[in-house]
Amino acid sequence: MRRYETFIIIDPDLSDEERSPIFEKVKDLIKQEECLLVTLDEWGGRRLAYEIKKKSRGYYVRLDYCGTGKFVNEMERFFRIDDRVMKYMTVLLDKYADIELIKEEIAKAEAKETEPDQNESDIELSAPDIPDINDSETAEDETTKTTESE
């Protein structure tokens, strides 16, 4: 499988309830084609570089997934048909993606998120080796002795 990244700009006037069917449709397509959704990252409303459909703002969404060319074609067909999607762009990230390695990365990221934060008392801090005050005086005495003897 290949790894892709798709950016979608959705109509910013839509509410969360009106946007969620778009995401559900993409997730359903992923299940049908037996692909892997790595992340669905909602960036939120942002200003557009130029007006699209007489709108100066858009709601940005980034999809990171592994799939086939057939899946990408089907998803882009859905975006072309749906009037709520203003623009989309798909980029090939990796031609030969290792699915098992990606699943491990996802599991590690989820484990980090679910791990409780450590208390300060649980964390062992290792201070750098700082010489004692007595040691520094001894070191100064030794340097003074060497310069005096020269």
N, C-alpha and C. Protein backbone atom coordinates (compact mmCIF):
# COMPACT_ATOMS: atom_id res chain seq x y z
N MET A 1 0.84 -1.18 0.00
CA MET A 1 0.00 0.00 0.00
C MET A 1 0.88 1.24 0.00
N ARG A 2 0.28 2.32 -0.42
CA ARG A 2 0.97 3.60 -0.44
C ARG A 2 0.42 4.49 0.66
N ARG A 3 1.25 5.43 1.09
CA ARG A 3 0.81 6.37 2.12
C ARG A 3 0.54 7.72 1.47
N TYR A 4 -0.64 8.25 1.74
CA TYR A 4 -1.09 9.50 1.16
C TYR A 4 -1.43 10.51 2.25
N GLU A 5 -1.49 11.76 1.81
CA GLU A 5 -1.95 12.84 2.67
C GLU A 5 -2.91 13.67 1.82
N THR A 6 -4.11 13.92 2.33
CA THR A 6 -5.10 14.70 1.61
C THR A 6 -5.51 15.89 2.47
N PHE A 7 -5.47 17.05 1.86
CA PHE A 7 -5.94 18.27 2.52
C PHE A 7 -7.30 18.61 1.94
N ILE A 8 -8.24 18.94 2.83
CA ILE A 8 -9.59 19.28 2.41
C ILE A 8 -9.92 20.66 2.98
N ILE A 9 -10.53 21.49 2.16
CA ILE A 9 -11.05 22.77 2.64
C ILE A 9 -12.56 22.68 2.54
N ILE A 10 -13.20 22.77 3.69
CA ILE A 10 -14.65 22.63 3.79
C ILE A 10 -15.26 24.01 4.02
N ASP A 11 -16.50 24.16 3.62
CA ASP A 11 -17.23 25.41 3.82
C ASP A 11 -17.19 25.79 5.30
N PRO A 12 -16.71 27.00 5.63
CA PRO A 12 -16.55 27.38 7.03
C PRO A 12 -17.88 27.68 7.74
N ASP A 13 -18.94 27.87 6.98
CA ASP A 13 -20.24 28.19 7.57
C ASP A 13 -20.96 26.97 8.13
N LEU A 14 -20.42 25.78 7.90
CA LEU A 14 -21.04 24.56 8.40
C LEU A 14 -20.76 24.38 9.88
N SER A 15 -21.74 23.83 10.59
CA SER A 15 -21.55 23.51 12.01
C SER A 15 -20.83 22.17 12.13
N ASP A 16 -20.44 21.82 13.35
CA ASP A 16 -19.77 20.53 13.57
C ASP A 16 -20.65 19.36 13.14
N GLU A 17 -21.96 19.48 13.39
CA GLU A 17 -22.89 18.41 13.03
C GLU A 17 -23.00 18.26 11.51
N GLU A 18 -22.85 19.37 10.79
CA GLU A 18 -22.94 19.31 9.34
C GLU A 18 -21.63 18.85 8.70
N ARG A 19 -20.52 19.03 9.42
CA ARG A 19 -19.21 18.57 8.92
C ARG A 19 -18.97 17.09 9.18
N SER A 20 -19.49 16.58 10.26
CA SER A 20 -19.21 15.20 10.66
C SER A 20 -19.61 14.15 9.61
N PRO A 21 -20.69 14.32 8.82
CA PRO A 21 -21.00 13.31 7.79
C PRO A 21 -19.88 13.16 6.74
N ILE A 22 -19.16 14.24 6.48
CA ILE A 22 -18.05 14.15 5.53
C ILE A 22 -16.98 13.21 6.08
N PHE A 23 -16.65 13.38 7.35
CA PHE A 23 -15.63 12.53 7.98
C PHE A 23 -16.11 11.09 8.08
N GLU A 24 -17.39 10.91 8.39
CA GLU A 24 -17.94 9.55 8.49
C GLU A 24 -17.89 8.84 7.14
N LYS A 25 -18.18 9.57 6.07
CA LYS A 25 -18.13 8.98 4.73
C LYS A 25 -16.71 8.54 4.39
N VAL A 26 -15.72 9.38 4.73
CA VAL A 26 -14.32 9.02 4.48
C VAL A 26 -13.94 7.78 5.29
N LYS A 27 -14.35 7.73 6.55
CA LYS A 27 -14.05 6.57 7.39
C LYS A 27 -14.72 5.31 6.85
N ASP A 28 -15.95 5.43 6.34
CA ASP A 28 -16.64 4.29 5.74
C ASP A 28 -15.91 3.80 4.50
N LEU A 29 -15.44 4.72 3.68
CA LEU A 29 -14.68 4.35 2.48
C LEU A 29 -13.40 3.61 2.86
N ILE A 30 -12.76 4.07 3.91
CA ILE A 30 -11.52 3.43 4.37
C ILE A 30 -11.80 2.00 4.81
N LYS A 31 -12.89 1.79 5.52
CA LYS A 31 -13.25 0.43 5.94
C LYS A 31 -13.60 -0.46 4.75
N GLN A 32 -14.33 0.08 3.78
CA GLN A 32 -14.72 -0.69 2.60
C GLN A 32 -13.51 -1.14 1.79
N GLU A 33 -12.55 -0.26 1.63
CA GLU A 33 -11.37 -0.55 0.81
C GLU A 33 -10.24 -1.20 1.61
N GLU A 34 -10.49 -1.45 2.91
CA GLU A 34 -9.51 -2.07 3.81
C GLU A 34 -8.20 -1.28 3.83
N CYS A 35 -8.34 0.02 4.00
CA CYS A 35 -7.19 0.92 4.10
C CYS A 35 -6.96 1.26 5.57
N LEU A 36 -5.95 2.07 5.84
CA LEU A 36 -5.60 2.42 7.22
C LEU A 36 -5.59 3.93 7.37
N LEU A 37 -6.43 4.47 8.27
CA LEU A 37 -6.43 5.89 8.57
C LEU A 37 -5.41 6.13 9.68
N VAL A 38 -4.36 6.90 9.37
CA VAL A 38 -3.34 7.19 10.36
C VAL A 38 -3.82 8.34 11.24
N THR A 39 -4.17 9.48 10.65
CA THR A 39 -4.70 10.61 11.42
C THR A 39 -5.73 11.37 10.62
N LEU A 40 -6.68 11.92 11.32
CA LEU A 40 -7.63 12.88 10.77
C LEU A 40 -7.44 14.12 11.63
N ASP A 41 -6.76 15.10 11.09
CA ASP A 41 -6.35 16.28 11.85
C ASP A 41 -7.15 17.49 11.39
N GLU A 42 -8.01 18.01 12.28
CA GLU A 42 -8.82 19.18 11.95
C GLU A 42 -8.05 20.43 12.36
N TRP A 43 -7.68 21.24 11.39
CA TRP A 43 -6.94 22.47 11.66
C TRP A 43 -7.85 23.63 12.00
N GLY A 44 -9.10 23.55 11.59
CA GLY A 44 -10.05 24.60 11.91
C GLY A 44 -10.14 25.66 10.83
N GLY A 45 -10.84 26.74 11.16
CA GLY A 45 -11.07 27.82 10.21
C GLY A 45 -9.83 28.67 10.02
N ARG A 46 -9.52 28.96 8.77
CA ARG A 46 -8.37 29.79 8.42
C ARG A 46 -8.72 30.65 7.22
N ARG A 47 -7.94 31.70 7.07
CA ARG A 47 -8.12 32.61 5.93
C ARG A 47 -7.53 31.95 4.68
N LEU A 48 -8.24 32.08 3.57
CA LEU A 48 -7.78 31.53 2.30
C LEU A 48 -6.86 32.52 1.60
N ALA A 49 -5.97 32.02 0.76
CA ALA A 49 -5.08 32.89 0.00
C ALA A 49 -5.87 33.66 -1.06
N TYR A 50 -6.92 33.04 -1.57
CA TYR A 50 -7.80 33.68 -2.55
C TYR A 50 -9.20 33.15 -2.34
N GLU A 51 -10.18 33.87 -2.81
CA GLU A 51 -11.57 33.47 -2.62
C GLU A 51 -11.90 32.20 -3.39
N ILE A 52 -12.64 31.31 -2.72
CA ILE A 52 -13.14 30.09 -3.34
C ILE A 52 -14.64 30.08 -3.12
N LYS A 53 -15.38 30.00 -4.19
CA LYS A 53 -16.85 30.01 -4.11
C LYS A 53 -17.35 31.22 -3.31
N LYS A 54 -16.73 32.37 -3.55
CA LYS A 54 -17.08 33.65 -2.92
C LYS A 54 -16.89 33.64 -1.41
N LYS A 55 -15.97 32.82 -0.92
CA LYS A 55 -15.68 32.76 0.51
C LYS A 55 -14.20 33.04 0.72
N SER A 56 -13.89 33.83 1.76
CA SER A 56 -12.50 34.18 2.03
C SER A 56 -11.90 33.33 3.15
N ARG A 57 -12.72 32.49 3.77
CA ARG A 57 -12.24 31.59 4.82
C ARG A 57 -12.62 30.16 4.47
N GLY A 58 -11.93 29.21 5.11
CA GLY A 58 -12.24 27.80 4.90
C GLY A 58 -11.89 27.00 6.15
N TYR A 59 -12.49 25.84 6.27
CA TYR A 59 -12.23 24.94 7.39
C TYR A 59 -11.29 23.85 6.88
N TYR A 60 -10.06 23.83 7.40
CA TYR A 60 -9.02 22.93 6.89
C TYR A 60 -9.01 21.61 7.66
N VAL A 61 -8.84 20.52 6.91
CA VAL A 61 -8.73 19.18 7.49
C VAL A 61 -7.61 18.46 6.76
N ARG A 62 -6.78 17.74 7.52
CA ARG A 62 -5.68 16.96 6.95
C ARG A 62 -5.91 15.48 7.26
N LEU A 63 -5.90 14.66 6.22
CA LEU A 63 -6.04 13.21 6.36
C LEU A 63 -4.70 12.56 6.03
N ASP A 64 -4.24 11.69 6.88
CA ASP A 64 -3.02 10.91 6.64
C ASP A 64 -3.47 9.45 6.65
N TYR A 65 -3.23 8.73 5.55
CA TYR A 65 -3.76 7.37 5.45
C TYR A 65 -2.92 6.52 4.50
N CYS A 66 -3.11 5.22 4.60
CA CYS A 66 -2.49 4.27 3.69
C CYS A 66 -3.61 3.63 2.88
N GLY A 67 -3.41 3.56 1.57
CA GLY A 67 -4.45 3.01 0.73
C GLY A 67 -3.97 2.75 -0.67
N THR A 68 -4.93 2.46 -1.53
CA THR A 68 -4.64 2.16 -2.93
C THR A 68 -5.09 3.32 -3.80
N GLY A 69 -4.68 3.28 -5.05
CA GLY A 69 -5.11 4.30 -5.99
C GLY A 69 -6.61 4.30 -6.19
N LYS A 70 -7.20 3.12 -6.12
CA LYS A 70 -8.65 2.98 -6.27
C LYS A 70 -9.37 3.75 -5.15
N PHE A 71 -8.85 3.64 -3.93
CA PHE A 71 -9.45 4.34 -2.81
C PHE A 71 -9.34 5.85 -2.99
N VAL A 72 -8.17 6.32 -3.40
CA VAL A 72 -7.95 7.77 -3.60
C VAL A 72 -8.92 8.29 -4.66
N ASN A 73 -9.09 7.55 -5.75
CA ASN A 73 -10.03 7.97 -6.80
C ASN A 73 -11.46 8.06 -6.27
N GLU A 74 -11.86 7.08 -5.48
CA GLU A 74 -13.22 7.07 -4.94
C GLU A 74 -13.43 8.23 -3.96
N MET A 75 -12.44 8.49 -3.12
CA MET A 75 -12.56 9.57 -2.15
C MET A 75 -12.62 10.93 -2.87
N GLU A 76 -11.77 11.13 -3.87
CA GLU A 76 -11.78 12.39 -4.61
C GLU A 76 -13.07 12.55 -5.41
N ARG A 77 -13.64 11.46 -5.88
CA ARG A 77 -14.93 11.53 -6.56
C ARG A 77 -16.00 12.03 -5.60
N PHE A 78 -15.97 11.53 -4.37
CA PHE A 78 -16.91 11.98 -3.34
C PHE A 78 -16.74 13.47 -3.07
N PHE A 79 -15.48 13.94 -3.00
CA PHE A 79 -15.22 15.36 -2.74
C PHE A 79 -15.72 16.25 -3.89
N ARG A 80 -15.59 15.77 -5.12
CA ARG A 80 -16.06 16.54 -6.29
C ARG A 80 -17.59 16.68 -6.27
N ILE A 81 -18.26 15.63 -5.84
CA ILE A 81 -19.73 15.62 -5.84
C ILE A 81 -20.29 16.46 -4.69
N ASP A 82 -19.64 16.42 -3.53
CA ASP A 82 -20.15 17.08 -2.33
C ASP A 82 -19.91 18.59 -2.39
N ASP A 83 -20.98 19.37 -2.31
CA ASP A 83 -20.88 20.84 -2.38
C ASP A 83 -20.26 21.45 -1.12
N ARG A 84 -20.23 20.71 -0.02
CA ARG A 84 -19.65 21.24 1.21
C ARG A 84 -18.13 21.31 1.13
N VAL A 85 -17.52 20.49 0.26
CA VAL A 85 -16.07 20.50 0.09
C VAL A 85 -15.72 21.53 -0.97
N MET A 86 -14.93 22.53 -0.57
CA MET A 86 -14.57 23.61 -1.49
C MET A 86 -13.35 23.24 -2.34
N LYS A 87 -12.35 22.64 -1.73
CA LYS A 87 -11.12 22.24 -2.43
C LYS A 87 -10.55 21.02 -1.74
N TYR A 88 -9.72 20.27 -2.46
CA TYR A 88 -9.00 19.14 -1.89
C TYR A 88 -7.72 18.94 -2.68
N MET A 89 -6.75 18.32 -2.05
CA MET A 89 -5.49 18.01 -2.71
C MET A 89 -4.89 16.78 -2.05
N THR A 90 -4.48 15.81 -2.86
CA THR A 90 -3.89 14.58 -2.37
C THR A 90 -2.43 14.52 -2.79
N VAL A 91 -1.57 14.13 -1.85
CA VAL A 91 -0.13 14.02 -2.09
C VAL A 91 0.33 12.63 -1.68
N LEU A 92 1.17 12.02 -2.51
CA LEU A 92 1.76 10.72 -2.19
C LEU A 92 2.94 10.94 -1.26
N LEU A 93 2.89 10.36 -0.06
CA LEU A 93 3.98 10.51 0.90
C LEU A 93 5.02 9.41 0.77
N ASP A 94 4.55 8.16 0.62
CA ASP A 94 5.45 7.02 0.58
C ASP A 94 4.89 5.99 -0.39
N LYS A 95 5.71 5.61 -1.34
CA LYS A 95 5.25 4.67 -2.37
C LYS A 95 5.13 3.25 -1.82
N TYR A 96 6.00 2.90 -0.88
CA TYR A 96 5.99 1.55 -0.29
C TYR A 96 5.90 1.67 1.23
N ALA A 97 4.71 1.95 1.73
CA ALA A 97 4.51 2.13 3.17
C ALA A 97 4.45 0.78 3.87
N ASP A 98 5.12 0.68 5.02
CA ASP A 98 5.09 -0.53 5.84
C ASP A 98 3.94 -0.39 6.84
N ILE A 99 2.86 -1.10 6.59
CA ILE A 99 1.64 -0.98 7.40
C ILE A 99 1.89 -1.36 8.85
N GLU A 100 2.63 -2.44 9.07
CA GLU A 100 2.88 -2.90 10.45
C GLU A 100 3.67 -1.85 11.24
N LEU A 101 4.65 -1.24 10.62
CA LEU A 101 5.44 -0.21 11.28
C LEU A 101 4.58 1.01 11.62
N ILE A 102 3.70 1.38 10.71
CA ILE A 102 2.81 2.51 10.94
C ILE A 102 1.83 2.20 12.07
N LYS A 103 1.32 0.97 12.12
CA LYS A 103 0.41 0.57 13.20
C LYS A 103 1.12 0.63 14.55
N GLU A 104 2.40 0.24 14.59
CA GLU A 104 3.18 0.33 15.82
C GLU A 104 3.34 1.78 16.26
N GLU A 105 3.61 2.67 15.31
CA GLU A 105 3.75 4.10 15.63
C GLU A 105 2.45 4.66 16.18
N ILE A 106 1.33 4.26 15.59
CA ILE A 106 0.02 4.72 16.07
C ILE A 106 -0.22 4.23 17.49
N ALA A 107 0.11 2.96 17.75
CA ALA A 107 -0.08 2.38 19.09
C ALA A 107 0.79 3.10 20.11
N LYS A 108 2.03 3.42 19.75
CA LYS A 108 2.92 4.14 20.66
C LYS A 108 2.38 5.53 20.97
N ALA A 109 1.87 6.21 19.94
CA ALA A 109 1.33 7.56 20.13
C ALA A 109 0.09 7.51 21.03
N GLU A 110 -0.76 6.51 20.83
CA GLU A 110 -1.95 6.38 21.67
C GLU A 110 -1.57 6.03 23.10
N ALA A 111 -0.54 5.21 23.27
CA ALA A 111 -0.09 4.85 24.62
C ALA A 111 0.45 6.07 25.34
N LYS A 112 1.17 6.92 24.63
CA LYS A 112 1.69 8.14 25.24
C LYS A 112 0.56 9.05 25.69
N GLU A 113 -0.49 9.15 24.89
CA GLU A 113 -1.63 10.01 25.22
C GLU A 113 -2.39 9.49 26.43
N THR A 114 -2.50 8.17 26.57
CA THR A 114 -3.27 7.60 27.67
C THR A 114 -2.45 7.44 28.95
N GLU A 115 -1.12 7.53 28.84
CA GLU A 115 -0.27 7.40 30.01
C GLU A 115 -0.48 8.58 30.94
N PRO A 116 -0.68 8.32 32.24
CA PRO A 116 -0.82 9.44 33.17
C PRO A 116 0.52 10.16 33.32
N ASP A 117 0.44 11.46 33.55
CA ASP A 117 1.66 12.23 33.76
C ASP A 117 2.32 11.80 35.06
N GLN A 118 3.64 11.78 35.03
CA GLN A 118 4.36 11.39 36.23
C GLN A 118 4.39 12.55 37.21
N ASN A 119 4.26 12.23 38.50
CA ASN A 119 4.40 13.25 39.52
C ASN A 119 5.85 13.65 39.63
N GLU A 120 6.08 14.82 40.15
CA GLU A 120 7.45 15.28 40.29
C GLU A 120 8.24 14.37 41.23
N SER A 121 7.55 13.78 42.21
CA SER A 121 8.24 12.90 43.15
C SER A 121 8.67 11.59 42.49
N ASP A 122 7.97 11.19 41.43
CA ASP A 122 8.31 9.95 40.74
C ASP A 122 9.49 10.11 39.79
N ILE A 123 9.76 11.33 39.39
CA ILE A 123 10.81 11.57 38.41
C ILE A 123 12.15 11.69 39.14
N GLU A 124 13.10 10.91 38.65
CA GLU A 124 14.43 11.00 39.22
C GLU A 124 15.23 11.98 38.38
N LEU A 125 15.68 13.03 39.04
CA LEU A 125 16.47 14.02 38.33
C LEU A 125 17.94 13.73 38.59
N SER A 126 18.70 13.73 37.55
CA SER A 126 20.13 13.52 37.73
C SER A 126 20.83 14.84 37.47
N ALA A 127 21.41 15.36 38.50
CA ALA A 127 22.13 16.63 38.38
C ALA A 127 23.50 16.36 37.79
N PRO A 128 24.01 17.30 37.05
CA PRO A 128 25.36 17.12 36.52
C PRO A 128 26.37 17.08 37.66
N ASP A 129 27.50 16.48 37.40
CA ASP A 129 28.52 16.39 38.43
C ASP A 129 29.05 17.77 38.75
N ILE A 130 28.64 18.27 39.90
CA ILE A 130 29.10 19.57 40.36
C ILE A 130 30.05 19.32 41.51
N PRO A 131 31.24 19.81 41.41
CA PRO A 131 32.19 19.58 42.51
C PRO A 131 31.74 20.30 43.76
N ASP A 132 32.07 19.70 44.89
CA ASP A 132 31.76 20.33 46.16
C ASP A 132 32.54 21.63 46.28
N ILE A 133 32.10 22.46 47.19
CA ILE A 133 32.80 23.73 47.40
C ILE A 133 34.23 23.46 47.83
N ASN A 134 34.40 22.46 48.68
CA ASN A 134 35.74 22.14 49.16
C ASN A 134 36.63 21.67 48.02
N ASP A 135 36.05 20.91 47.06
CA ASP A 135 36.82 20.43 45.92
C ASP A 135 37.26 21.59 45.05
N SER A 136 36.39 22.61 44.87
CA SER A 136 36.75 23.73 44.01
C SER A 136 37.86 24.56 44.66
N GLU A 137 37.84 24.67 46.00
CA GLU A 137 38.91 25.40 46.67
C GLU A 137 40.23 24.68 46.48
N THR A 138 40.18 23.35 46.55
CA THR A 138 41.38 22.55 46.37
C THR A 138 41.89 22.72 44.95
N ALA A 139 40.99 22.74 43.99
CA ALA A 139 41.40 22.90 42.60
C ALA A 139 42.02 24.27 42.38
N GLU A 140 41.47 25.32 43.05
CA GLU A 140 42.04 26.65 42.91
C GLU A 140 43.43 26.70 43.54
N ASP A 141 43.58 26.03 44.69
CA ASP A 141 44.87 26.01 45.36
C ASP A 141 45.93 25.36 44.48
N GLU A 142 45.54 24.27 43.80
CA GLU A 142 46.49 23.56 42.95
C GLU A 142 46.91 24.42 41.77
N THR A 143 45.94 25.15 41.15
CA THR A 143 46.30 26.01 40.03
C THR A 143 47.16 27.17 40.49
N THR A 144 46.89 27.66 41.69
CA THR A 144 47.70 28.75 42.23
C THR A 144 49.11 28.27 42.49
N LYS A 145 49.25 27.05 43.04
CA LYS A 145 50.57 26.50 43.33
C LYS A 145 51.38 26.32 42.06
N THR A 146 50.74 25.84 40.97
CA THR A 146 51.48 25.62 39.74
C THR A 146 51.92 26.94 39.14
N THR A 147 51.10 27.98 39.21
CA THR A 147 51.50 29.25 38.63
C THR A 147 52.58 29.92 39.49
N GLU A 148 52.51 29.74 40.81
CA GLU A 148 53.53 30.33 41.69
C GLU A 148 54.89 29.68 41.50
N SER A 149 54.88 28.35 41.28
CA SER A 149 56.13 27.64 41.13
C SER A 149 56.80 27.93 39.78
N GLU A 150 56.05 28.35 38.81
CA GLU A 150 56.63 28.64 37.51
C GLU A 150 57.28 29.95 37.58
